[in-house]
Amino acid sequence: MMENNHMMTKNQEVDTSKVEETVSRMDEGKKDEILSNFTEFKSYLHKRVQLGEKLGMDEEALAKTAEKVAGYLAEHEEPRNAEENLLKELWKVGDQEQRHKLAHMLVNLVK
């Protein structure tokens, strides 16, 4: 979620407007490694959630960041496994409130 702290402000706050830019700059090999296996994807998210918590992010801030990442992935990346395909389909049919709740669920899943 926060590769090389590019989304962090000088005050150690997350700038969610930079999520897409940060994710799009990720090395394709690294992105493939993370997205090719759902267990690896969850492990990667778990590490990012732990980092966010260490930086003082509450669950709402974590969910907002997860929501931005999920939106980017749904729009720009093809699912690489059945679990990601299900998440993308749920994302597509959900309204804004449902997507936000799904982001909360993803954060809880990887804690």
C-alpha atoms as a PDB file:
ATOM      1  CA  MET A   1       0.000   0.000   0.000  1.00  0.00           C
ATOM      2  CA  MET A   2       2.735   2.472   0.827  1.00  0.00           C
ATOM      3  CA  GLU A   3       5.787   1.566  -1.270  1.00  0.00           C
ATOM      4  CA  ASN A   4       8.805   3.612  -0.213  1.00  0.00           C
ATOM      5  CA  ASN A   5       6.566   5.990   1.784  1.00  0.00           C
ATOM      6  CA  HIS A   6       5.620   7.896  -1.373  1.00  0.00           C
ATOM      7  CA  MET A   7       2.142   8.371   0.033  1.00  0.00           C
ATOM      8  CA  MET A   8       3.403   9.726   3.347  1.00  0.00           C
ATOM      9  CA  THR A   9       3.438  13.450   4.051  1.00  0.00           C
ATOM     10  CA  LYS A  10       6.131  15.155   6.104  1.00  0.00           C
ATOM     11  CA  ASN A  11       3.775  14.841   9.105  1.00  0.00           C
ATOM     12  CA  GLN A  12       3.646  11.032   8.646  1.00  0.00           C
ATOM     13  CA  GLU A  13       0.069  11.202   7.364  1.00  0.00           C
ATOM     14  CA  VAL A  14      -1.172   9.217   4.382  1.00  0.00           C
ATOM     15  CA  ASP A  15      -2.092  11.132   1.257  1.00  0.00           C
ATOM     16  CA  THR A  16      -4.659   8.798  -0.349  1.00  0.00           C
ATOM     17  CA  SER A  17      -4.692  10.939  -3.494  1.00  0.00           C
ATOM     18  CA  LYS A  18      -1.287   9.424  -4.289  1.00  0.00           C
ATOM     19  CA  VAL A  19      -2.376   5.783  -4.052  1.00  0.00           C
ATOM     20  CA  GLU A  20      -2.865   5.308  -7.796  1.00  0.00           C
ATOM     21  CA  GLU A  21       0.422   7.010  -8.644  1.00  0.00           C
ATOM     22  CA  THR A  22       2.287   4.903  -6.090  1.00  0.00           C
ATOM     23  CA  VAL A  23       0.754   1.603  -7.198  1.00  0.00           C
ATOM     24  CA  SER A  24       1.227   2.390 -10.893  1.00  0.00           C
ATOM     25  CA  ARG A  25       4.970   2.976 -10.306  1.00  0.00           C
ATOM     26  CA  MET A  26       5.430  -0.438  -8.726  1.00  0.00           C
ATOM     27  CA  ASP A  27       7.811  -2.707 -10.627  1.00  0.00           C
ATOM     28  CA  GLU A  28       5.837  -5.096 -12.875  1.00  0.00           C
ATOM     29  CA  GLY A  29       7.768  -8.120 -11.598  1.00  0.00           C
ATOM     30  CA  LYS A  30       7.014  -7.219  -7.991  1.00  0.00           C
ATOM     31  CA  LYS A  31       3.371  -6.544  -8.847  1.00  0.00           C
ATOM     32  CA  ASP A  32       3.080  -9.936 -10.576  1.00  0.00           C
ATOM     33  CA  GLU A  33       4.706 -11.638  -7.592  1.00  0.00           C
ATOM     34  CA  ILE A  34       2.186 -10.061  -5.206  1.00  0.00           C
ATOM     35  CA  LEU A  35      -0.912 -10.555  -7.359  1.00  0.00           C
ATOM     36  CA  SER A  36      -0.230 -14.023  -8.762  1.00  0.00           C
ATOM     37  CA  ASN A  37      -1.080 -15.802  -5.516  1.00  0.00           C
ATOM     38  CA  PHE A  38      -3.858 -14.742  -3.136  1.00  0.00           C
ATOM     39  CA  THR A  39      -1.875 -15.846  -0.085  1.00  0.00           C
ATOM     40  CA  GLU A  40       1.017 -13.627  -1.219  1.00  0.00           C
ATOM     41  CA  PHE A  41      -1.434 -10.768  -1.817  1.00  0.00           C
ATOM     42  CA  LYS A  42      -2.834 -11.119   1.721  1.00  0.00           C
ATOM     43  CA  SER A  43       0.682 -11.298   3.158  1.00  0.00           C
ATOM     44  CA  TYR A  44       1.656  -8.107   1.330  1.00  0.00           C
ATOM     45  CA  LEU A  45      -1.480  -6.320   2.570  1.00  0.00           C
ATOM     46  CA  HIS A  46      -0.857  -7.589   6.106  1.00  0.00           C
ATOM     47  CA  LYS A  47       2.622  -6.029   6.113  1.00  0.00           C
ATOM     48  CA  ARG A  48       1.244  -2.732   4.810  1.00  0.00           C
ATOM     49  CA  VAL A  49      -1.550  -2.691   7.390  1.00  0.00           C
ATOM     50  CA  GLN A  50       1.006  -3.331  10.147  1.00  0.00           C
ATOM     51  CA  LEU A  51       3.135  -0.467   8.817  1.00  0.00           C
ATOM     52  CA  GLY A  52       0.103   1.822   8.717  1.00  0.00           C
ATOM     53  CA  GLU A  53      -0.767   0.918  12.301  1.00  0.00           C
ATOM     54  CA  LYS A  54       2.811   1.625  13.424  1.00  0.00           C
ATOM     55  CA  LEU A  55       2.521   5.030  11.775  1.00  0.00           C
ATOM     56  CA  GLY A  56      -0.634   5.697  13.793  1.00  0.00           C
ATOM     57  CA  MET A  57      -3.288   5.066  11.159  1.00  0.00           C
ATOM     58  CA  ASP A  58      -6.656   4.032  12.579  1.00  0.00           C
ATOM     59  CA  GLU A  59      -8.894   1.455  10.918  1.00  0.00           C
ATOM     60  CA  GLU A  60     -10.811   4.115   8.983  1.00  0.00           C
ATOM     61  CA  ALA A  61      -7.615   5.516   7.450  1.00  0.00           C
ATOM     62  CA  LEU A  62      -6.456   1.996   6.613  1.00  0.00           C
ATOM     63  CA  ALA A  63      -9.810   1.219   4.982  1.00  0.00           C
ATOM     64  CA  LYS A  64      -9.743   4.435   2.937  1.00  0.00           C
ATOM     65  CA  THR A  65      -6.291   3.528   1.668  1.00  0.00           C
ATOM     66  CA  ALA A  66      -7.388  -0.062   0.947  1.00  0.00           C
ATOM     67  CA  GLU A  67     -10.407   1.330  -0.894  1.00  0.00           C
ATOM     68  CA  LYS A  68      -8.176   3.443  -3.141  1.00  0.00           C
ATOM     69  CA  VAL A  69      -5.882   0.483  -3.850  1.00  0.00           C
ATOM     70  CA  ALA A  70      -8.830  -1.814  -4.579  1.00  0.00           C
ATOM     71  CA  GLY A  71     -10.318   0.747  -6.939  1.00  0.00           C
ATOM     72  CA  TYR A  72      -7.029   1.032  -8.795  1.00  0.00           C
ATOM     73  CA  LEU A  73      -6.635  -2.742  -9.053  1.00  0.00           C
ATOM     74  CA  ALA A  74     -10.237  -3.209 -10.247  1.00  0.00           C
ATOM     75  CA  GLU A  75      -9.737  -0.610 -12.957  1.00  0.00           C
ATOM     76  CA  HIS A  76      -6.171  -1.347 -14.087  1.00  0.00           C
ATOM     77  CA  GLU A  77      -5.247  -4.958 -13.286  1.00  0.00           C
ATOM     78  CA  GLU A  78      -6.662  -8.238 -14.501  1.00  0.00           C
ATOM     79  CA  PRO A  79      -7.383 -10.751 -11.727  1.00  0.00           C
ATOM     80  CA  ARG A  80      -4.732 -13.447 -11.572  1.00  0.00           C
ATOM     81  CA  ASN A  81      -6.689 -15.963  -9.496  1.00  0.00           C
ATOM     82  CA  ALA A  82     -10.240 -16.884  -8.483  1.00  0.00           C
ATOM     83  CA  GLU A  83     -10.147 -14.863  -5.250  1.00  0.00           C
ATOM     84  CA  GLU A  84      -9.076 -11.675  -7.022  1.00  0.00           C
ATOM     85  CA  ASN A  85     -11.725 -12.279  -9.676  1.00  0.00           C
ATOM     86  CA  LEU A  86     -14.389 -12.529  -6.959  1.00  0.00           C
ATOM     87  CA  LEU A  87     -13.142  -9.324  -5.321  1.00  0.00           C
ATOM     88  CA  LYS A  88     -13.237  -7.517  -8.676  1.00  0.00           C
ATOM     89  CA  GLU A  89     -16.792  -8.720  -9.383  1.00  0.00           C
ATOM     90  CA  LEU A  90     -17.951  -7.646  -5.911  1.00  0.00           C
ATOM     91  CA  TRP A  91     -16.253  -4.277  -6.424  1.00  0.00           C
ATOM     92  CA  LYS A  92     -17.987  -3.762  -9.771  1.00  0.00           C
ATOM     93  CA  VAL A  93     -21.490  -4.425  -8.428  1.00  0.00           C
ATOM     94  CA  GLY A  94     -21.065  -2.534  -5.156  1.00  0.00           C
ATOM     95  CA  ASP A  95     -22.010   1.079  -4.588  1.00  0.00           C
ATOM     96  CA  GLN A  96     -19.662   3.480  -2.772  1.00  0.00           C
ATOM     97  CA  GLU A  97     -20.833   2.453   0.700  1.00  0.00           C
ATOM     98  CA  GLN A  98     -20.541  -1.257  -0.083  1.00  0.00           C
ATOM     99  CA  ARG A  99     -17.055  -0.774  -1.536  1.00  0.00           C
ATOM    100  CA  HIS A 100     -15.995   1.057   1.604  1.00  0.00           C
ATOM    101  CA  LYS A 101     -17.315  -1.789   3.755  1.00  0.00           C
ATOM    102  CA  LEU A 102     -15.494  -4.302   1.550  1.00  0.00           C
ATOM    103  CA  ALA A 103     -12.279  -2.310   2.089  1.00  0.00           C
ATOM    104  CA  HIS A 104     -12.851  -2.552   5.869  1.00  0.00           C
ATOM    105  CA  MET A 105     -13.367  -6.301   5.461  1.00  0.00           C
ATOM    106  CA  LEU A 106     -10.101  -6.625   3.504  1.00  0.00           C
ATOM    107  CA  VAL A 107      -8.214  -4.788   6.250  1.00  0.00           C
ATOM    108  CA  ASN A 108      -9.769  -7.102   8.862  1.00  0.00           C
ATOM    109  CA  LEU A 109      -8.980 -10.156   6.727  1.00  0.00           C
ATOM    110  CA  VAL A 110      -5.255  -9.425   6.695  1.00  0.00           C
ATOM    111  CA  LYS A 111      -4.830  -8.311  10.319  1.00  0.00           C
END
